[in-house]
Amino acid sequence: MEIILDHLVHFTDRHPLQAAEFFKKQGLTAVMGGRHEKWGSYNSLCYFSDLAYLEFLSIEDRKKANGSDNPLIHRLLKQRAEGLGQIALRSDNLEHVKAELEENGLETGEIIEASRKREDGSLLEWKMLFIEQSDDEAPLPFFIEWKQSEDERKHDLHSSGALSAKNTEVAVAKVHYIVRDLNAAVLKWRKYFDLPRGEEAVYDEWRARIYTISLPSFQLVFAEPSGDGLVQQMLERKGEGPYLAEFDPPVFGSYYQVHGSMYK
């Protein structure tokens, strides 16, 4: 299975553009994405190289959100705290991905037709595929297929000013997940997504065992707390799931907390 990072989803309780201010202060461009009118949500976006981006997602209309059938919105509504909530992987054939996931032992939902009204009133369309999970399970990625080609998306983003020259110099290098059981999590992800072997290490500063898997577009790092440190504190506060993203070159001079998650 080809693993290409599409975007990181950061759940927030505040206005999405306000949530992106820390990135704008570093000289990056962040823009309002628009409104998901059927889901009662809205977002801001900060794009990087290879069309990967960071999405700050918030509830705008709670009544609509409560009636939504989108699993991402359900997870947003039930968030324990602000912070990174899930990652999306990009595909050009969700039907094929769905068949692969089910062959690997996962249950998936139906492919969702999705759209968002941009700030200029135009409509952006895509498809989404979610893995069936209980609310207390660590969030597995969801998958997205854009109806525009990559060249069309790049042209639109450059034309609108959403993808600046400085933003294209920055790449998402690593995404870190907190897990309670490192061995079980690594075995599960490798089986479900056909991931290669990685390397295990001990991160003494944060008191954690980590396992790093190198993928074509980024590194996936799992961390299990081994004592009372930052990883344990984050686990207690927001549960299992993504908690840290690193960029290349770094956006921040050191590890920096932004609305419930860490960035560098």
Protein backbone atom coordinates (compact mmCIF):
# COMPACT_ATOMS: atom_id res chain seq x y z
CA MET A 1 0.00 0.00 0.00
CA GLU A 2 1.37 3.41 -0.97
CA ILE A 3 1.49 5.72 2.06
CA ILE A 4 1.47 9.44 1.14
CA LEU A 5 0.70 12.00 3.83
CA ASP A 6 -2.11 14.32 2.74
CA HIS A 7 -2.66 16.33 5.90
CA LEU A 8 -2.68 16.57 9.68
CA VAL A 9 -5.94 17.41 11.45
CA HIS A 10 -5.64 19.58 14.57
CA PHE A 11 -8.88 19.80 16.54
CA THR A 12 -9.48 23.21 18.09
CA ASP A 13 -12.17 24.95 20.13
CA ARG A 14 -11.37 28.39 18.75
CA HIS A 15 -11.76 30.12 15.38
CA PRO A 16 -9.61 28.16 12.92
CA LEU A 17 -7.65 31.17 11.68
CA GLN A 18 -6.88 32.24 15.23
CA ALA A 19 -5.56 28.72 15.88
CA ALA A 20 -3.09 29.13 12.97
CA GLU A 21 -1.59 32.38 14.29
CA PHE A 22 1.53 30.68 15.69
CA PHE A 23 2.43 29.50 12.19
CA LYS A 24 1.72 32.89 10.62
CA LYS A 25 4.07 34.47 13.15
CA GLN A 26 6.83 32.23 11.78
CA GLY A 27 6.34 33.79 8.34
CA LEU A 28 4.18 31.02 6.88
CA THR A 29 0.93 31.61 5.04
CA ALA A 30 -2.24 30.21 6.63
CA VAL A 31 -5.66 30.83 5.16
CA MET A 32 -9.29 30.13 5.85
CA GLY A 33 -10.24 26.96 4.03
CA GLY A 34 -13.97 27.41 4.22
CA ARG A 35 -17.09 25.74 5.53
CA HIS A 36 -18.28 22.14 5.48
CA GLU A 37 -21.93 23.10 5.35
CA LYS A 38 -23.32 19.58 5.81
CA TRP A 39 -21.06 18.86 8.80
CA GLY A 40 -21.29 22.15 10.71
CA SER A 41 -17.51 22.60 10.71
CA TYR A 42 -15.00 25.06 9.29
CA ASN A 43 -11.23 25.12 8.95
CA SER A 44 -8.01 26.99 8.29
CA LEU A 45 -5.13 25.54 6.30
CA CYS A 46 -1.36 25.88 6.27
CA TYR A 47 0.16 24.20 3.19
CA PHE A 48 3.68 22.82 2.84
CA SER A 49 5.64 21.08 0.07
CA ASP A 50 4.11 18.16 -1.87
CA LEU A 51 0.63 19.57 -1.12
CA ALA A 52 0.73 18.26 2.45
CA TYR A 53 -0.93 20.61 4.92
CA LEU A 54 -2.00 21.26 8.49
CA GLU A 55 -5.73 21.71 9.04
CA PHE A 56 -7.15 23.45 12.09
CA LEU A 57 -10.70 22.08 12.33
CA SER A 58 -13.42 23.53 14.53
CA ILE A 59 -17.18 23.30 15.04
CA GLU A 60 -19.17 26.23 13.65
CA ASP A 61 -22.72 24.85 13.92
CA ARG A 62 -23.05 22.29 16.71
CA LYS A 63 -26.56 21.23 15.70
CA LYS A 64 -25.41 20.32 12.19
CA ALA A 65 -22.27 18.68 13.55
CA ASN A 66 -24.30 16.49 15.92
CA GLY A 67 -26.36 15.29 12.96
CA SER A 68 -23.37 14.64 10.72
CA ASP A 69 -22.48 11.14 9.51
CA ASN A 70 -18.78 12.00 9.15
CA PRO A 71 -16.56 10.01 11.58
CA LEU A 72 -14.00 12.84 11.70
CA ILE A 73 -16.63 15.26 12.96
CA HIS A 74 -17.79 12.71 15.55
CA ARG A 75 -14.21 12.46 16.80
CA LEU A 76 -13.92 16.25 16.90
CA LEU A 77 -17.11 16.50 18.98
CA LYS A 78 -15.80 13.94 21.47
CA GLN A 79 -12.27 15.31 21.77
CA ARG A 80 -10.90 15.31 25.31
CA ALA A 81 -8.74 18.34 24.60
CA GLU A 82 -7.49 20.49 21.76
CA GLY A 83 -4.66 19.04 19.71
CA LEU A 84 -3.76 16.80 16.80
CA GLY A 85 -6.59 14.35 16.27
CA GLN A 86 -5.96 12.32 13.15
CA ILE A 87 -3.93 12.13 9.94
CA ALA A 88 -5.15 11.73 6.37
CA LEU A 89 -3.37 9.69 3.71
CA ARG A 90 -3.72 10.55 0.02
CA SER A 91 -4.81 8.12 -2.67
CA ASP A 92 -5.89 8.30 -6.30
CA ASN A 93 -8.10 5.19 -5.98
CA LEU A 94 -10.14 4.79 -2.80
CA GLU A 95 -11.92 1.71 -4.12
CA HIS A 96 -8.55 -0.05 -4.32
CA VAL A 97 -7.55 1.18 -0.84
CA LYS A 98 -10.86 -0.04 0.58
CA ALA A 99 -10.29 -3.52 -0.87
CA GLU A 100 -6.71 -3.64 0.46
CA LEU A 101 -7.71 -2.58 3.96
CA GLU A 102 -10.49 -5.16 4.13
CA GLU A 103 -8.11 -7.84 2.84
CA ASN A 104 -5.76 -6.89 5.70
CA GLY A 105 -8.51 -7.47 8.26
CA LEU A 106 -10.05 -4.04 8.73
CA GLU A 107 -13.67 -2.99 8.39
CA THR A 108 -14.29 0.21 6.45
CA GLY A 109 -17.25 2.47 5.95
CA GLU A 110 -18.70 3.53 2.64
CA ILE A 111 -16.74 6.02 0.55
CA ILE A 112 -18.03 9.50 1.40
CA GLU A 113 -18.54 12.20 -1.22
CA ALA A 114 -17.39 15.45 0.39
CA SER A 115 -17.20 19.14 -0.45
CA ARG A 116 -16.32 22.49 1.08
CA LYS A 117 -17.35 25.98 0.05
CA ARG A 118 -14.28 28.15 -0.30
CA GLU A 119 -14.13 31.73 0.92
CA ASP A 120 -14.61 32.91 -2.70
CA GLY A 121 -17.79 30.84 -2.98
CA SER A 122 -16.36 28.11 -5.23
CA LEU A 123 -16.83 24.45 -4.36
CA LEU A 124 -13.96 22.05 -3.65
CA GLU A 125 -14.79 18.32 -3.89
CA TRP A 126 -13.13 15.13 -2.72
CA LYS A 127 -13.84 11.60 -1.42
CA MET A 128 -13.08 10.15 2.02
CA LEU A 129 -12.72 6.63 3.41
CA PHE A 130 -12.74 5.82 7.13
CA ILE A 131 -11.81 2.68 9.01
CA GLU A 132 -14.51 1.45 11.39
CA GLN A 133 -13.34 1.98 15.00
CA SER A 134 -14.75 2.37 18.47
CA ASP A 135 -14.41 5.77 20.13
CA ASP A 136 -11.87 4.53 22.69
CA GLU A 137 -9.42 3.13 20.11
CA ALA A 138 -6.35 5.07 18.98
CA PRO A 139 -7.36 6.82 15.74
CA LEU A 140 -6.14 5.12 12.59
CA PRO A 141 -5.62 7.28 9.49
CA PHE A 142 -8.41 8.05 7.09
CA PHE A 143 -7.94 8.28 3.33
CA ILE A 144 -8.71 11.05 0.88
CA GLU A 145 -9.00 11.23 -2.91
CA TRP A 146 -9.14 14.68 -4.50
CA LYS A 147 -11.26 15.23 -7.59
CA GLN A 148 -8.70 17.70 -8.96
CA SER A 149 -5.32 16.54 -10.23
CA GLU A 150 -2.22 17.54 -8.25
CA ASP A 151 -1.26 20.05 -10.96
CA GLU A 152 -4.72 21.62 -10.81
CA ARG A 153 -4.56 21.84 -7.02
CA LYS A 154 -1.10 23.44 -7.09
CA HIS A 155 -2.24 25.97 -9.68
CA ASP A 156 -5.30 26.90 -7.61
CA LEU A 157 -3.31 27.20 -4.39
CA HIS A 158 -0.60 29.35 -5.96
CA SER A 159 -3.20 31.53 -7.69
CA SER A 160 -5.15 32.10 -4.48
CA GLY A 161 -2.00 32.83 -2.45
CA ALA A 162 -2.60 29.88 -0.11
CA LEU A 163 0.69 28.22 -1.11
CA SER A 164 3.46 30.79 -0.75
CA ALA A 165 7.08 30.36 -1.81
CA LYS A 166 8.17 30.08 1.82
CA ASN A 167 5.57 27.41 2.55
CA THR A 168 6.84 25.27 -0.32
CA GLU A 169 10.30 25.22 1.31
CA VAL A 170 8.89 23.39 4.37
CA ALA A 171 8.03 19.68 4.50
CA VAL A 172 6.27 17.57 7.12
CA ALA A 173 9.15 15.33 8.21
CA LYS A 174 7.81 13.32 11.15
CA VAL A 175 4.44 12.56 12.75
CA HIS A 176 4.55 11.16 16.29
CA TYR A 177 1.86 9.00 17.89
CA ILE A 178 1.45 8.26 21.60
CA VAL A 179 0.44 4.64 22.27
CA ARG A 180 -0.05 2.63 25.45
CA ASP A 181 1.51 -0.54 24.05
CA LEU A 182 4.33 0.11 21.58
CA ASN A 183 4.76 -3.48 20.38
CA ALA A 184 1.04 -4.01 19.78
CA ALA A 185 0.64 -0.68 17.97
CA VAL A 186 3.60 -1.28 15.65
CA LEU A 187 2.44 -4.81 14.79
CA LYS A 188 -1.07 -3.55 14.05
CA TRP A 189 0.00 -0.64 11.83
CA ARG A 190 2.54 -2.74 9.94
CA LYS A 191 -0.06 -5.42 9.25
CA TYR A 192 -2.90 -3.09 8.30
CA PHE A 193 -0.89 -0.72 6.10
CA ASP A 194 1.92 -2.98 4.83
CA LEU A 195 4.56 -0.83 6.51
CA PRO A 196 8.28 -1.69 6.47
CA ARG A 197 10.31 -2.54 9.56
CA GLY A 198 11.57 0.37 11.61
CA GLU A 199 14.04 1.09 14.38
CA GLU A 200 13.40 1.07 18.12
CA ALA A 201 15.16 3.48 20.48
CA VAL A 202 14.85 5.03 23.93
CA TYR A 203 14.14 8.75 24.27
CA ASP A 204 15.43 9.50 27.76
CA GLU A 205 14.55 13.20 27.75
CA TRP A 206 10.82 12.48 27.41
CA ARG A 207 10.98 9.08 29.15
CA ALA A 208 9.64 7.05 26.26
CA ARG A 209 10.37 4.05 24.06
CA ILE A 210 10.01 4.98 20.41
CA TYR A 211 9.75 3.10 17.13
CA THR A 212 10.43 4.97 13.87
CA ILE A 213 9.22 3.81 10.46
CA SER A 214 10.61 5.62 7.41
CA LEU A 215 8.10 6.10 4.59
CA PRO A 216 8.55 7.78 1.20
CA SER A 217 7.12 11.16 2.22
CA PHE A 218 7.60 11.26 6.01
CA GLN A 219 8.57 9.29 9.12
CA LEU A 220 6.01 7.76 11.46
CA VAL A 221 7.14 7.63 15.09
CA PHE A 222 5.33 5.70 17.83
CA ALA A 223 6.05 6.51 21.48
CA GLU A 224 5.16 4.56 24.62
CA PRO A 225 5.79 6.30 27.96
CA SER A 226 8.33 4.58 30.19
CA GLY A 227 8.04 6.98 33.11
CA ASP A 228 6.63 10.33 34.19
CA GLY A 229 7.60 12.65 31.34
CA LEU A 230 6.06 14.66 28.53
CA VAL A 231 4.74 11.60 26.66
CA GLN A 232 2.99 10.27 29.77
CA GLN A 233 1.52 13.71 30.49
CA MET A 234 0.19 14.04 26.94
CA LEU A 235 -1.26 10.52 27.08
CA GLU A 236 -3.14 11.33 30.29
CA ARG A 237 -4.43 14.62 28.90
CA LYS A 238 -5.63 13.62 25.42
CA GLY A 239 -5.29 9.86 25.09
CA GLU A 240 -3.66 7.82 22.33
CA GLY A 241 -3.07 9.40 18.96
CA PRO A 242 -0.90 11.96 17.17
CA TYR A 243 0.69 14.51 19.48
CA LEU A 244 3.76 15.95 17.70
CA ALA A 245 4.69 16.99 14.17
CA GLU A 246 8.18 17.97 13.03
CA PHE A 247 9.00 19.98 9.93
CA ASP A 248 12.09 20.19 7.72
CA PRO A 249 13.48 22.76 8.07
CA PRO A 250 12.05 23.35 11.56
CA VAL A 251 9.27 25.93 11.78
CA PHE A 252 10.02 26.56 15.46
CA GLY A 253 13.47 26.76 17.03
CA SER A 254 12.58 24.09 19.59
CA TYR A 255 9.62 21.89 20.48
CA TYR A 256 6.72 24.30 20.82
CA GLN A 257 3.23 23.68 22.18
CA VAL A 258 0.39 24.97 20.01
CA HIS A 259 -3.14 24.52 21.31
CA GLY A 260 -2.61 21.13 22.88
CA SER A 261 0.02 19.53 20.63
CA MET A 262 3.74 19.88 19.99
CA TYR A 263 5.39 21.19 16.83
CA LYS A 264 8.94 21.87 15.75
